[in-house]
Amino acid sequence: MKFLSPRVSGDLGSARELRQMVQCLELHYRQQKPQNEIARALGISTSKVSRLLKRAFEEGLIRVELDLPQNPRLAATLVGRFGLRDAVVVPTSGRGDVKDALGAAAAAYFEKVASSGLRVGLSCGFTLYHTIHHLKERRFRDLTLYPLSGESTLRLVDLSPNTLVGMMAAKYRPHVAAYALPVQHLASLSQIERERRRLLRDPEVRKIYEGAQSVDVALVGIGFIGEGTPGFCSLAEAYGVSVRTLRRLGVVGEVNYQPFDAGGKVVDRPELRPLSRRVLSVTADRLQALSRAEAKYVIGVAGGRPKVGAIRGALAGRFLNVLVTDEDTALALVG
């Protein structure tokens, strides 16, 4: 359990009491002093030390980070079973939503393999939002950040790649270059192809698009097919393709708006091409190529029992070479 520095906010009483509170925090959490020693050092009662520590926690002056043990044996089983370069398996919290724990683990893994000067690509999703939230500010210099897609939805708006690139850039500002890809919502494949050609005639857009194809580290979410799911399913519904239709076509999941079946094969049907052949997007075969490259990382961050089928399909398709997931999901994958 890690205790970070106090952050002053709100009305915390007198300056003297605030000073005592900060002293209690420093002595208790950084110097590991028991409360009776703190009381003697500050000339106050032990009960007051206890009250000050309790109040500091309630007022949000400290943040608690749980550093729970991972499961290396299960991770090794995933690596062997699915031919991954690496895997991280975090404990299942029991609360049903593991996104924050996955984000923390993915951030730690990224910081382990990353270095200054890398090109980094981001797809979309709430789990990646948690990943970026847990990154340590200004740890790296001269990163170049790219969205892996310029896509956005009109309803149930997901955390898009452009949005996440902006969030990550804020972590490393000013030592970062961050780019965006144009966001379009077009009705037909012919419109999409015309717009793609038009956009790629712009040298700056072409440079960004080509840069996104060859990033050193890609952080990707894995989406499952379910009612009311933001991102791919919401976009599909906007094109008149229901979740029932997606399932009928054999789609079990998607990565960067690329739908795939249980065997990891991209589902290339006419009704899905306006979704999968987005205006400007890193395609599934390019993710596969990055995953095969010795010096590249494609880190898939996904967990939760509803996503087991989608994750298994993504692993079969070799769209990633590192998986960050939770114990329940990992057990279901290898079971």
C-alpha atoms as a PDB file:
ATOM      1  CA  MET A   1       0.000   0.000   0.000  1.00  0.00           C
ATOM      2  CA  LYS A   2       1.460   3.345  -1.070  1.00  0.00           C
ATOM      3  CA  PHE A   3       0.635   6.679   0.485  1.00  0.00           C
ATOM      4  CA  LEU A   4       1.251   9.763  -1.630  1.00  0.00           C
ATOM      5  CA  SER A   5       1.947  13.324  -0.568  1.00  0.00           C
ATOM      6  CA  PRO A   6      -0.916  15.314   0.959  1.00  0.00           C
ATOM      7  CA  ARG A   7      -2.937  17.602  -1.299  1.00  0.00           C
ATOM      8  CA  VAL A   8      -4.484  20.602   0.369  1.00  0.00           C
ATOM      9  CA  SER A   9      -8.077  21.361  -0.583  1.00  0.00           C
ATOM     10  CA  GLY A  10     -11.151  22.851   0.991  1.00  0.00           C
ATOM     11  CA  ASP A  11     -11.630  24.340   4.463  1.00  0.00           C
ATOM     12  CA  LEU A  12      -9.463  22.287   6.790  1.00  0.00           C
ATOM     13  CA  GLY A  13      -9.641  24.492   9.855  1.00  0.00           C
ATOM     14  CA  SER A  14      -6.900  26.603  11.404  1.00  0.00           C
ATOM     15  CA  ALA A  15      -3.401  26.878   9.993  1.00  0.00           C
ATOM     16  CA  ARG A  16      -2.063  25.317  13.190  1.00  0.00           C
ATOM     17  CA  GLU A  17      -4.308  22.264  12.893  1.00  0.00           C
ATOM     18  CA  LEU A  18      -3.488  21.875   9.212  1.00  0.00           C
ATOM     19  CA  ARG A  19       0.225  22.000  10.046  1.00  0.00           C
ATOM     20  CA  GLN A  20      -0.274  19.314  12.719  1.00  0.00           C
ATOM     21  CA  MET A  21      -2.195  17.189  10.231  1.00  0.00           C
ATOM     22  CA  VAL A  22       0.628  17.389   7.683  1.00  0.00           C
ATOM     23  CA  GLN A  23       3.188  16.559  10.385  1.00  0.00           C
ATOM     24  CA  CYS A  24       1.146  13.528  11.418  1.00  0.00           C
ATOM     25  CA  LEU A  25       0.992  12.332   7.814  1.00  0.00           C
ATOM     26  CA  GLU A  26       4.736  12.762   7.307  1.00  0.00           C
ATOM     27  CA  LEU A  27       5.647  10.971  10.528  1.00  0.00           C
ATOM     28  CA  HIS A  28       3.111   8.173  10.215  1.00  0.00           C
ATOM     29  CA  TYR A  29       3.279   7.299   6.516  1.00  0.00           C
ATOM     30  CA  ARG A  30       6.785   8.325   5.475  1.00  0.00           C
ATOM     31  CA  GLN A  31       8.719   7.678   8.661  1.00  0.00           C
ATOM     32  CA  GLN A  32       6.495   4.792   9.831  1.00  0.00           C
ATOM     33  CA  LYS A  33       6.170   6.199  13.352  1.00  0.00           C
ATOM     34  CA  PRO A  34       3.448   4.770  15.644  1.00  0.00           C
ATOM     35  CA  GLN A  35       0.767   7.150  16.841  1.00  0.00           C
ATOM     36  CA  ASN A  36       2.029   7.311  20.453  1.00  0.00           C
ATOM     37  CA  GLU A  37       5.484   8.458  19.276  1.00  0.00           C
ATOM     38  CA  ILE A  38       3.905  11.066  17.013  1.00  0.00           C
ATOM     39  CA  ALA A  39       1.851  12.354  19.940  1.00  0.00           C
ATOM     40  CA  ARG A  40       4.980  12.773  22.082  1.00  0.00           C
ATOM     41  CA  ALA A  41       6.905  14.457  19.256  1.00  0.00           C
ATOM     42  CA  LEU A  42       4.132  16.987  18.577  1.00  0.00           C
ATOM     43  CA  GLY A  43       3.026  17.472  22.182  1.00  0.00           C
ATOM     44  CA  ILE A  44      -0.559  16.365  21.548  1.00  0.00           C
ATOM     45  CA  SER A  45      -2.649  13.407  22.649  1.00  0.00           C
ATOM     46  CA  THR A  46      -2.663  10.053  20.869  1.00  0.00           C
ATOM     47  CA  SER A  47      -6.397  10.389  20.318  1.00  0.00           C
ATOM     48  CA  LYS A  48      -5.848  13.706  18.513  1.00  0.00           C
ATOM     49  CA  VAL A  49      -3.237  12.096  16.266  1.00  0.00           C
ATOM     50  CA  SER A  50      -5.785   9.427  15.406  1.00  0.00           C
ATOM     51  CA  ARG A  51      -8.456  12.037  14.675  1.00  0.00           C
ATOM     52  CA  LEU A  52      -6.094  14.065  12.463  1.00  0.00           C
ATOM     53  CA  LEU A  53      -5.093  11.016  10.425  1.00  0.00           C
ATOM     54  CA  LYS A  54      -8.705   9.953  10.018  1.00  0.00           C
ATOM     55  CA  ARG A  55      -9.768  13.445   8.977  1.00  0.00           C
ATOM     56  CA  ALA A  56      -6.891  13.708   6.487  1.00  0.00           C
ATOM     57  CA  PHE A  57      -8.099  10.533   4.802  1.00  0.00           C
ATOM     58  CA  GLU A  58     -11.719  11.709   4.726  1.00  0.00           C
ATOM     59  CA  GLU A  59     -10.744  15.116   3.294  1.00  0.00           C
ATOM     60  CA  GLY A  60      -8.756  13.518   0.495  1.00  0.00           C
ATOM     61  CA  LEU A  61      -5.354  14.820   1.534  1.00  0.00           C
ATOM     62  CA  ILE A  62      -3.903  11.389   0.835  1.00  0.00           C
ATOM     63  CA  ARG A  63      -4.499   8.887  -1.921  1.00  0.00           C
ATOM     64  CA  VAL A  64      -4.087   5.180  -1.401  1.00  0.00           C
ATOM     65  CA  GLU A  65      -2.658   2.992  -4.173  1.00  0.00           C
ATOM     66  CA  LEU A  66      -3.031  -0.748  -3.791  1.00  0.00           C
ATOM     67  CA  ASP A  67      -0.091  -2.691  -5.190  1.00  0.00           C
ATOM     68  CA  LEU A  68      -1.676  -6.137  -5.226  1.00  0.00           C
ATOM     69  CA  PRO A  69       0.362  -9.243  -6.079  1.00  0.00           C
ATOM     70  CA  GLN A  70       0.084 -10.445  -9.668  1.00  0.00           C
ATOM     71  CA  ASN A  71      -0.156 -14.037 -10.833  1.00  0.00           C
ATOM     72  CA  PRO A  72       3.056 -14.834 -12.766  1.00  0.00           C
ATOM     73  CA  ARG A  73       2.278 -18.546 -13.110  1.00  0.00           C
ATOM     74  CA  LEU A  74      -1.045 -17.879 -14.814  1.00  0.00           C
ATOM     75  CA  ALA A  75       0.615 -15.199 -16.959  1.00  0.00           C
ATOM     76  CA  ALA A  76       3.231 -17.737 -18.077  1.00  0.00           C
ATOM     77  CA  THR A  77       0.444 -20.166 -18.998  1.00  0.00           C
ATOM     78  CA  LEU A  78      -1.166 -17.496 -21.191  1.00  0.00           C
ATOM     79  CA  VAL A  79       2.165 -16.810 -22.892  1.00  0.00           C
ATOM     80  CA  GLY A  80       2.712 -20.490 -23.639  1.00  0.00           C
ATOM     81  CA  ARG A  81      -0.858 -21.217 -24.704  1.00  0.00           C
ATOM     82  CA  PHE A  82      -1.302 -18.253 -27.055  1.00  0.00           C
ATOM     83  CA  GLY A  83       2.238 -17.534 -28.217  1.00  0.00           C
ATOM     84  CA  LEU A  84       2.440 -14.136 -26.553  1.00  0.00           C
ATOM     85  CA  ARG A  85       5.604 -12.227 -25.824  1.00  0.00           C
ATOM     86  CA  ASP A  86       4.354 -11.427 -22.337  1.00  0.00           C
ATOM     87  CA  ALA A  87       1.266 -11.308 -20.142  1.00  0.00           C
ATOM     88  CA  VAL A  88       0.210  -9.633 -16.914  1.00  0.00           C
ATOM     89  CA  VAL A  89      -2.544 -11.090 -14.734  1.00  0.00           C
ATOM     90  CA  VAL A  90      -3.957  -8.957 -11.935  1.00  0.00           C
ATOM     91  CA  PRO A  91      -6.149 -10.194  -9.067  1.00  0.00           C
ATOM     92  CA  THR A  92      -9.878 -10.046  -9.688  1.00  0.00           C
ATOM     93  CA  SER A  93     -11.304  -7.478  -7.282  1.00  0.00           C
ATOM     94  CA  GLY A  94     -14.670  -9.163  -6.777  1.00  0.00           C
ATOM     95  CA  ARG A  95     -16.467  -5.896  -7.531  1.00  0.00           C
ATOM     96  CA  GLY A  96     -17.245  -6.907 -11.091  1.00  0.00           C
ATOM     97  CA  ASP A  97     -15.361  -3.979 -12.686  1.00  0.00           C
ATOM     98  CA  VAL A  98     -11.625  -4.492 -13.024  1.00  0.00           C
ATOM     99  CA  LYS A  99     -10.867  -1.604 -15.382  1.00  0.00           C
ATOM    100  CA  ASP A 100      -8.952   0.470 -12.838  1.00  0.00           C
ATOM    101  CA  ALA A 101      -6.739  -2.460 -11.775  1.00  0.00           C
ATOM    102  CA  LEU A 102      -6.104  -3.338 -15.414  1.00  0.00           C
ATOM    103  CA  GLY A 103      -5.262   0.278 -16.181  1.00  0.00           C
ATOM    104  CA  ALA A 104      -2.773   0.449 -13.311  1.00  0.00           C
ATOM    105  CA  ALA A 105      -1.087  -2.783 -14.432  1.00  0.00           C
ATOM    106  CA  ALA A 106      -0.982  -1.695 -18.083  1.00  0.00           C
ATOM    107  CA  ALA A 107       0.521   1.669 -17.124  1.00  0.00           C
ATOM    108  CA  ALA A 108       3.217  -0.066 -15.087  1.00  0.00           C
ATOM    109  CA  TYR A 109       3.982  -2.430 -17.965  1.00  0.00           C
ATOM    110  CA  PHE A 110       4.162   0.418 -20.469  1.00  0.00           C
ATOM    111  CA  GLU A 111       6.574   2.282 -18.210  1.00  0.00           C
ATOM    112  CA  LYS A 112       8.699  -0.869 -17.930  1.00  0.00           C
ATOM    113  CA  VAL A 113       9.132  -1.355 -21.686  1.00  0.00           C
ATOM    114  CA  ALA A 114       8.957   2.253 -22.884  1.00  0.00           C
ATOM    115  CA  SER A 115      11.812   4.725 -23.182  1.00  0.00           C
ATOM    116  CA  SER A 116      12.242   8.319 -24.245  1.00  0.00           C
ATOM    117  CA  GLY A 117      11.883   8.977 -27.958  1.00  0.00           C
ATOM    118  CA  LEU A 118       9.352   6.214 -28.705  1.00  0.00           C
ATOM    119  CA  ARG A 119       6.348   6.439 -31.025  1.00  0.00           C
ATOM    120  CA  VAL A 120       3.184   5.353 -29.219  1.00  0.00           C
ATOM    121  CA  GLY A 121      -0.235   4.545 -30.685  1.00  0.00           C
ATOM    122  CA  LEU A 122      -3.572   4.501 -28.861  1.00  0.00           C
ATOM    123  CA  SER A 123      -6.901   2.943 -29.712  1.00  0.00           C
ATOM    124  CA  CYS A 124      -9.985   3.723 -27.650  1.00  0.00           C
ATOM    125  CA  GLY A 125     -11.978   2.686 -24.598  1.00  0.00           C
ATOM    126  CA  PHE A 126     -12.512   3.174 -20.900  1.00  0.00           C
ATOM    127  CA  THR A 127      -9.824   0.693 -19.844  1.00  0.00           C
ATOM    128  CA  LEU A 128      -7.210   2.692 -21.755  1.00  0.00           C
ATOM    129  CA  TYR A 129      -8.513   5.808 -20.026  1.00  0.00           C
ATOM    130  CA  HIS A 130      -7.609   4.158 -16.721  1.00  0.00           C
ATOM    131  CA  THR A 131      -4.220   3.210 -18.144  1.00  0.00           C
ATOM    132  CA  ILE A 132      -3.413   6.810 -18.987  1.00  0.00           C
ATOM    133  CA  HIS A 133      -4.740   7.965 -15.613  1.00  0.00           C
ATOM    134  CA  HIS A 134      -2.149   5.762 -13.877  1.00  0.00           C
ATOM    135  CA  LEU A 135       0.859   6.880 -15.923  1.00  0.00           C
ATOM    136  CA  LYS A 136       3.465   8.829 -13.996  1.00  0.00           C
ATOM    137  CA  GLU A 137       3.734  12.388 -15.219  1.00  0.00           C
ATOM    138  CA  ARG A 138       6.801  13.490 -17.184  1.00  0.00           C
ATOM    139  CA  ARG A 139       8.586  10.169 -16.790  1.00  0.00           C
ATOM    140  CA  PHE A 140       9.594  10.130 -20.469  1.00  0.00           C
ATOM    141  CA  ARG A 141      10.781  12.777 -22.903  1.00  0.00           C
ATOM    142  CA  ASP A 142      10.298  13.217 -26.635  1.00  0.00           C
ATOM    143  CA  LEU A 143       7.453  10.748 -27.040  1.00  0.00           C
ATOM    144  CA  THR A 144       5.405  10.963 -30.233  1.00  0.00           C
ATOM    145  CA  LEU A 145       1.742  10.012 -29.787  1.00  0.00           C
ATOM    146  CA  TYR A 146      -0.599   8.858 -32.551  1.00  0.00           C
ATOM    147  CA  PRO A 147      -4.269   7.831 -32.586  1.00  0.00           C
ATOM    148  CA  LEU A 148      -4.734   4.451 -34.227  1.00  0.00           C
ATOM    149  CA  SER A 149      -8.030   5.629 -35.690  1.00  0.00           C
ATOM    150  CA  GLY A 150      -9.795   8.887 -36.403  1.00  0.00           C
ATOM    151  CA  GLU A 151     -13.175   7.312 -35.714  1.00  0.00           C
ATOM    152  CA  SER A 152     -15.838   8.636 -33.381  1.00  0.00           C
ATOM    153  CA  THR A 153     -19.447   7.684 -32.784  1.00  0.00           C
ATOM    154  CA  LEU A 154     -22.548   9.838 -32.787  1.00  0.00           C
ATOM    155  CA  ARG A 155     -24.283   8.082 -29.899  1.00  0.00           C
ATOM    156  CA  LEU A 156     -22.926   6.593 -26.660  1.00  0.00           C
ATOM    157  CA  VAL A 157     -19.667   8.362 -27.421  1.00  0.00           C
ATOM    158  CA  ASP A 158     -16.665   6.278 -26.424  1.00  0.00           C
ATOM    159  CA  LEU A 159     -13.286   7.616 -25.320  1.00  0.00           C
ATOM    160  CA  SER A 160     -11.853   8.045 -28.809  1.00  0.00           C
ATOM    161  CA  PRO A 161      -8.190   7.666 -29.801  1.00  0.00           C
ATOM    162  CA  ASN A 162      -7.841  11.407 -30.399  1.00  0.00           C
ATOM    163  CA  THR A 163      -9.177  12.108 -26.893  1.00  0.00           C
ATOM    164  CA  LEU A 164      -6.843   9.605 -25.254  1.00  0.00           C
ATOM    165  CA  VAL A 165      -3.846  10.967 -27.168  1.00  0.00           C
ATOM    166  CA  GLY A 166      -4.633  14.400 -25.727  1.00  0.00           C
ATOM    167  CA  MET A 167      -4.878  12.981 -22.203  1.00  0.00           C
ATOM    168  CA  MET A 168      -1.592  11.142 -22.530  1.00  0.00           C
ATOM    169  CA  ALA A 169       0.119  14.202 -23.984  1.00  0.00           C
ATOM    170  CA  ALA A 170      -0.883  16.156 -20.878  1.00  0.00           C
ATOM    171  CA  LYS A 171       1.088  13.648 -18.775  1.00  0.00           C
ATOM    172  CA  TYR A 172       4.329  14.372 -20.616  1.00  0.00           C
ATOM    173  CA  ARG A 173       3.931  18.005 -21.611  1.00  0.00           C
ATOM    174  CA  PRO A 174       5.985  19.841 -22.783  1.00  0.00           C
ATOM    175  CA  HIS A 175       8.296  17.022 -23.912  1.00  0.00           C
ATOM    176  CA  VAL A 176       5.857  15.315 -26.275  1.00  0.00           C
ATOM    177  CA  ALA A 177       4.527  15.588 -29.819  1.00  0.00           C
ATOM    178  CA  ALA A 178       0.888  14.543 -30.193  1.00  0.00           C
ATOM    179  CA  TYR A 179      -1.205  14.221 -33.334  1.00  0.00           C
ATOM    180  CA  ALA A 180      -4.855  13.696 -34.263  1.00  0.00           C
ATOM    181  CA  LEU A 181      -6.525  12.063 -37.229  1.00  0.00           C
ATOM    182  CA  PRO A 182      -9.623  13.565 -38.882  1.00  0.00           C
ATOM    183  CA  VAL A 183     -12.968  12.370 -37.540  1.00  0.00           C
ATOM    184  CA  GLN A 184     -15.609  11.672 -40.179  1.00  0.00           C
ATOM    185  CA  HIS A 185     -19.030  10.071 -40.158  1.00  0.00           C
ATOM    186  CA  LEU A 186     -19.890   9.013 -43.689  1.00  0.00           C
ATOM    187  CA  ALA A 187     -22.816   6.974 -44.880  1.00  0.00           C
ATOM    188  CA  SER A 188     -21.338   4.750 -47.558  1.00  0.00           C
ATOM    189  CA  LEU A 189     -18.150   2.927 -48.476  1.00  0.00           C
ATOM    190  CA  SER A 190     -17.812   4.923 -51.692  1.00  0.00           C
ATOM    191  CA  GLN A 191     -17.926   8.167 -49.720  1.00  0.00           C
ATOM    192  CA  ILE A 192     -15.332   6.791 -47.329  1.00  0.00           C
ATOM    193  CA  GLU A 193     -12.955   5.839 -50.140  1.00  0.00           C
ATOM    194  CA  ARG A 194     -13.305   9.264 -51.807  1.00  0.00           C
ATOM    195  CA  GLU A 195     -12.695  11.038 -48.496  1.00  0.00           C
ATOM    196  CA  ARG A 196      -9.689   8.838 -47.738  1.00  0.00           C
ATOM    197  CA  ARG A 197      -8.069   9.768 -51.051  1.00  0.00           C
ATOM    198  CA  ARG A 198      -8.804  13.448 -50.487  1.00  0.00           C
ATOM    199  CA  LEU A 199      -7.366  13.450 -46.980  1.00  0.00           C
ATOM    200  CA  LEU A 200      -4.215  11.580 -47.938  1.00  0.00           C
ATOM    201  CA  ARG A 201      -3.416  14.199 -50.569  1.00  0.00           C
ATOM    202  CA  ASP A 202      -2.706  16.505 -47.626  1.00  0.00           C
ATOM    203  CA  PRO A 203       1.012  15.957 -46.782  1.00  0.00           C
ATOM    204  CA  GLU A 204       0.493  16.604 -43.053  1.00  0.00           C
ATOM    205  CA  VAL A 205      -2.421  14.175 -42.747  1.00  0.00           C
ATOM    206  CA  ARG A 206      -0.508  11.569 -44.741  1.00  0.00           C
ATOM    207  CA  LYS A 207       2.532  11.948 -42.484  1.00  0.00           C
ATOM    208  CA  ILE A 208       0.404  11.389 -39.350  1.00  0.00           C
ATOM    209  CA  TYR A 209      -1.439   8.451 -40.885  1.00  0.00           C
ATOM    210  CA  GLU A 210       1.779   6.748 -41.972  1.00  0.00           C
ATOM    211  CA  GLY A 211       3.341   7.411 -38.565  1.00  0.00           C
ATOM    212  CA  ALA A 212       0.425   5.630 -36.878  1.00  0.00           C
ATOM    213  CA  GLN A 213       1.158   2.514 -38.955  1.00  0.00           C
ATOM    214  CA  SER A 214       4.646   2.032 -37.535  1.00  0.00           C
ATOM    215  CA  VAL A 215       4.497   2.929 -33.837  1.00  0.00           C
ATOM    216  CA  ASP A 216       6.891   1.247 -31.426  1.00  0.00           C
ATOM    217  CA  VAL A 217       4.249   0.619 -28.759  1.00  0.00           C
ATOM    218  CA  ALA A 218       0.505   0.329 -29.381  1.00  0.00           C
ATOM    219  CA  LEU A 219      -1.981   0.307 -26.505  1.00  0.00           C
ATOM    220  CA  VAL A 220      -5.265  -1.241 -27.606  1.00  0.00           C
ATOM    221  CA  GLY A 221      -8.552  -2.174 -26.015  1.00  0.00           C
ATOM    222  CA  ILE A 222     -10.592  -5.202 -27.036  1.00  0.00           C
ATOM    223  CA  GLY A 223     -14.300  -4.657 -27.492  1.00  0.00           C
ATOM    224  CA  PHE A 224     -17.027  -7.265 -27.133  1.00  0.00           C
ATOM    225  CA  ILE A 225     -20.370  -7.405 -28.864  1.00  0.00           C
ATOM    226  CA  GLY A 226     -23.164  -6.381 -26.535  1.00  0.00           C
ATOM    227  CA  GLU A 227     -26.271  -4.216 -26.358  1.00  0.00           C
ATOM    228  CA  GLY A 228     -25.654  -0.595 -25.398  1.00  0.00           C
ATOM    229  CA  THR A 229     -21.886  -0.946 -25.740  1.00  0.00           C
ATOM    230  CA  PRO A 230     -20.179   2.320 -26.729  1.00  0.00           C
ATOM    231  CA  GLY A 231     -17.672   2.374 -29.558  1.00  0.00           C
ATOM    232  CA  PHE A 232     -17.949  -0.219 -32.305  1.00  0.00           C
ATOM    233  CA  CYS A 233     -21.441  -1.496 -31.459  1.00  0.00           C
ATOM    234  CA  SER A 234     -22.814   2.033 -31.203  1.00  0.00           C
ATOM    235  CA  LEU A 235     -21.262   2.912 -34.555  1.00  0.00           C
ATOM    236  CA  ALA A 236     -22.657  -0.269 -36.103  1.00  0.00           C
ATOM    237  CA  GLU A 237     -26.154   0.640 -34.938  1.00  0.00           C
ATOM    238  CA  ALA A 238     -25.735   4.080 -36.519  1.00  0.00           C
ATOM    239  CA  TYR A 239     -25.150   2.253 -39.826  1.00  0.00           C
ATOM    240  CA  GLY A 240     -28.223   0.075 -39.276  1.00  0.00           C
ATOM    241  CA  VAL A 241     -26.281  -3.015 -38.161  1.00  0.00           C
ATOM    242  CA  SER A 242     -27.703  -4.353 -34.906  1.00  0.00           C
ATOM    243  CA  VAL A 243     -25.914  -6.375 -32.270  1.00  0.00           C
ATOM    244  CA  ARG A 244     -28.082  -9.336 -33.309  1.00  0.00           C
ATOM    245  CA  THR A 245     -26.820  -8.964 -36.887  1.00  0.00           C
ATOM    246  CA  LEU A 246     -23.210  -8.741 -35.736  1.00  0.00           C
ATOM    247  CA  ARG A 247     -23.616 -11.962 -33.809  1.00  0.00           C
ATOM    248  CA  ARG A 248     -25.338 -13.644 -36.757  1.00  0.00           C
ATOM    249  CA  LEU A 249     -22.353 -12.723 -38.914  1.00  0.00           C
ATOM    250  CA  GLY A 250     -20.064 -14.415 -36.390  1.00  0.00           C
ATOM    251  CA  VAL A 251     -18.520 -11.273 -34.903  1.00  0.00           C
ATOM    252  CA  VAL A 252     -17.321 -11.901 -31.335  1.00  0.00           C
ATOM    253  CA  GLY A 253     -15.206  -8.785 -30.812  1.00  0.00           C
ATOM    254  CA  GLU A 254     -13.313  -5.901 -32.321  1.00  0.00           C
ATOM    255  CA  VAL A 255      -9.942  -4.228 -32.010  1.00  0.00           C
ATOM    256  CA  ASN A 256      -9.527  -0.670 -33.307  1.00  0.00           C
ATOM    257  CA  TYR A 257     -12.936  -0.974 -35.052  1.00  0.00           C
ATOM    258  CA  GLN A 258     -11.860  -4.176 -36.839  1.00  0.00           C
ATOM    259  CA  PRO A 259     -14.515  -6.909 -36.282  1.00  0.00           C
ATOM    260  CA  PHE A 260     -13.293 -10.489 -35.943  1.00  0.00           C
ATOM    261  CA  ASP A 261     -14.760 -13.933 -35.375  1.00  0.00           C
ATOM    262  CA  ALA A 262     -13.952 -16.596 -32.777  1.00  0.00           C
ATOM    263  CA  GLY A 263     -11.032 -17.833 -34.880  1.00  0.00           C
ATOM    264  CA  GLY A 264      -9.464 -14.389 -35.035  1.00  0.00           C
ATOM    265  CA  LYS A 265     -10.354 -13.759 -38.681  1.00  0.00           C
ATOM    266  CA  VAL A 266     -11.588 -10.308 -39.690  1.00  0.00           C
ATOM    267  CA  VAL A 267     -15.258 -10.502 -40.674  1.00  0.00           C
ATOM    268  CA  ASP A 268     -15.248  -8.789 -44.069  1.00  0.00           C
ATOM    269  CA  ARG A 269     -18.896  -8.598 -45.076  1.00  0.00           C
ATOM    270  CA  PRO A 270     -20.413  -5.854 -47.265  1.00  0.00           C
ATOM    271  CA  GLU A 271     -22.609  -4.513 -44.448  1.00  0.00           C
ATOM    272  CA  LEU A 272     -19.580  -4.199 -42.150  1.00  0.00           C
ATOM    273  CA  ARG A 273     -17.108  -2.576 -44.548  1.00  0.00           C
ATOM    274  CA  PRO A 274     -18.205   1.007 -43.771  1.00  0.00           C
ATOM    275  CA  LEU A 275     -17.277   0.214 -40.150  1.00  0.00           C
ATOM    276  CA  SER A 276     -14.016  -1.697 -40.629  1.00  0.00           C
ATOM    277  CA  ARG A 277     -12.657   0.389 -43.516  1.00  0.00           C
ATOM    278  CA  ARG A 278     -12.812   3.621 -41.639  1.00  0.00           C
ATOM    279  CA  VAL A 279     -11.596   6.832 -43.213  1.00  0.00           C
ATOM    280  CA  LEU A 280      -8.173   6.676 -41.581  1.00  0.00           C
ATOM    281  CA  SER A 281      -7.463   3.765 -39.283  1.00  0.00           C
ATOM    282  CA  VAL A 282      -4.721   1.247 -38.553  1.00  0.00           C
ATOM    283  CA  THR A 283      -6.142  -2.010 -39.905  1.00  0.00           C
ATOM    284  CA  ALA A 284      -6.183  -5.457 -38.325  1.00  0.00           C
ATOM    285  CA  ASP A 285      -3.493  -6.818 -40.640  1.00  0.00           C
ATOM    286  CA  ARG A 286      -1.219  -3.939 -39.675  1.00  0.00           C
ATOM    287  CA  LEU A 287      -1.746  -4.713 -35.971  1.00  0.00           C
ATOM    288  CA  GLN A 288      -0.832  -8.325 -36.765  1.00  0.00           C
ATOM    289  CA  ALA A 289       2.358  -7.160 -38.483  1.00  0.00           C
ATOM    290  CA  LEU A 290       3.305  -4.970 -35.531  1.00  0.00           C
ATOM    291  CA  SER A 291       2.676  -7.902 -33.176  1.00  0.00           C
ATOM    292  CA  ARG A 292       5.037 -10.094 -35.186  1.00  0.00           C
ATOM    293  CA  ALA A 293       7.823  -7.498 -35.248  1.00  0.00           C
ATOM    294  CA  GLU A 294      10.560  -8.268 -32.752  1.00  0.00           C
ATOM    295  CA  ALA A 295      11.012  -4.712 -31.477  1.00  0.00           C
ATOM    296  CA  LYS A 296       7.322  -3.726 -31.369  1.00  0.00           C
ATOM    297  CA  TYR A 297       4.771  -4.039 -28.589  1.00  0.00           C
ATOM    298  CA  VAL A 298       1.030  -4.283 -29.112  1.00  0.00           C
ATOM    299  CA  ILE A 299      -0.363  -4.296 -25.589  1.00  0.00           C
ATOM    300  CA  GLY A 300      -3.968  -5.425 -25.324  1.00  0.00           C
ATOM    301  CA  VAL A 301      -5.687  -4.318 -22.124  1.00  0.00           C
ATOM    302  CA  ALA A 302      -8.987  -6.064 -21.426  1.00  0.00           C
ATOM    303  CA  GLY A 303     -10.731  -8.123 -18.769  1.00  0.00           C
ATOM    304  CA  GLY A 304     -14.043  -9.155 -17.259  1.00  0.00           C
ATOM    305  CA  ARG A 305     -16.013 -12.319 -17.974  1.00  0.00           C
ATOM    306  CA  PRO A 306     -18.189 -10.731 -20.714  1.00  0.00           C
ATOM    307  CA  LYS A 307     -15.028 -10.147 -22.773  1.00  0.00           C
ATOM    308  CA  VAL A 308     -13.634 -13.693 -22.629  1.00  0.00           C
ATOM    309  CA  GLY A 309     -14.864 -14.621 -26.116  1.00  0.00           C
ATOM    310  CA  ALA A 310     -13.606 -11.365 -27.622  1.00  0.00           C
ATOM    311  CA  ILE A 311     -10.190 -11.690 -25.979  1.00  0.00           C
ATOM    312  CA  ARG A 312      -9.870 -15.311 -27.091  1.00  0.00           C
ATOM    313  CA  GLY A 313     -10.653 -14.270 -30.665  1.00  0.00           C
ATOM    314  CA  ALA A 314      -8.129 -11.417 -30.532  1.00  0.00           C
ATOM    315  CA  LEU A 315      -5.477 -13.850 -29.279  1.00  0.00           C
ATOM    316  CA  ALA A 316      -6.324 -16.302 -32.054  1.00  0.00           C
ATOM    317  CA  GLY A 317      -5.935 -13.508 -34.586  1.00  0.00           C
ATOM    318  CA  ARG A 318      -2.554 -12.449 -33.141  1.00  0.00           C
ATOM    319  CA  PHE A 319      -3.647  -8.811 -33.021  1.00  0.00           C
ATOM    320  CA  LEU A 320      -1.500  -8.304 -29.896  1.00  0.00           C
ATOM    321  CA  ASN A 321       1.655  -9.728 -28.404  1.00  0.00           C
ATOM    322  CA  VAL A 322       1.138  -8.655 -24.774  1.00  0.00           C
ATOM    323  CA  LEU A 323      -2.064  -9.187 -22.785  1.00  0.00           C
ATOM    324  CA  VAL A 324      -2.994  -7.417 -19.555  1.00  0.00           C
ATOM    325  CA  THR A 325      -6.022  -9.093 -17.974  1.00  0.00           C
ATOM    326  CA  ASP A 326      -7.470 -10.326 -14.676  1.00  0.00           C
ATOM    327  CA  GLU A 327      -7.377 -13.743 -13.002  1.00  0.00           C
ATOM    328  CA  ASP A 328     -10.979 -14.775 -13.701  1.00  0.00           C
ATOM    329  CA  THR A 329     -10.624 -13.930 -17.377  1.00  0.00           C
ATOM    330  CA  ALA A 330      -7.230 -15.642 -17.632  1.00  0.00           C
ATOM    331  CA  LEU A 331      -8.579 -18.813 -16.016  1.00  0.00           C
ATOM    332  CA  ALA A 332     -11.474 -18.857 -18.471  1.00  0.00           C
ATOM    333  CA  LEU A 333      -9.059 -18.385 -21.393  1.00  0.00           C
ATOM    334  CA  VAL A 334      -6.824 -21.307 -20.426  1.00  0.00           C
ATOM    335  CA  GLY A 335      -9.586 -23.534 -19.050  1.00  0.00           C
END
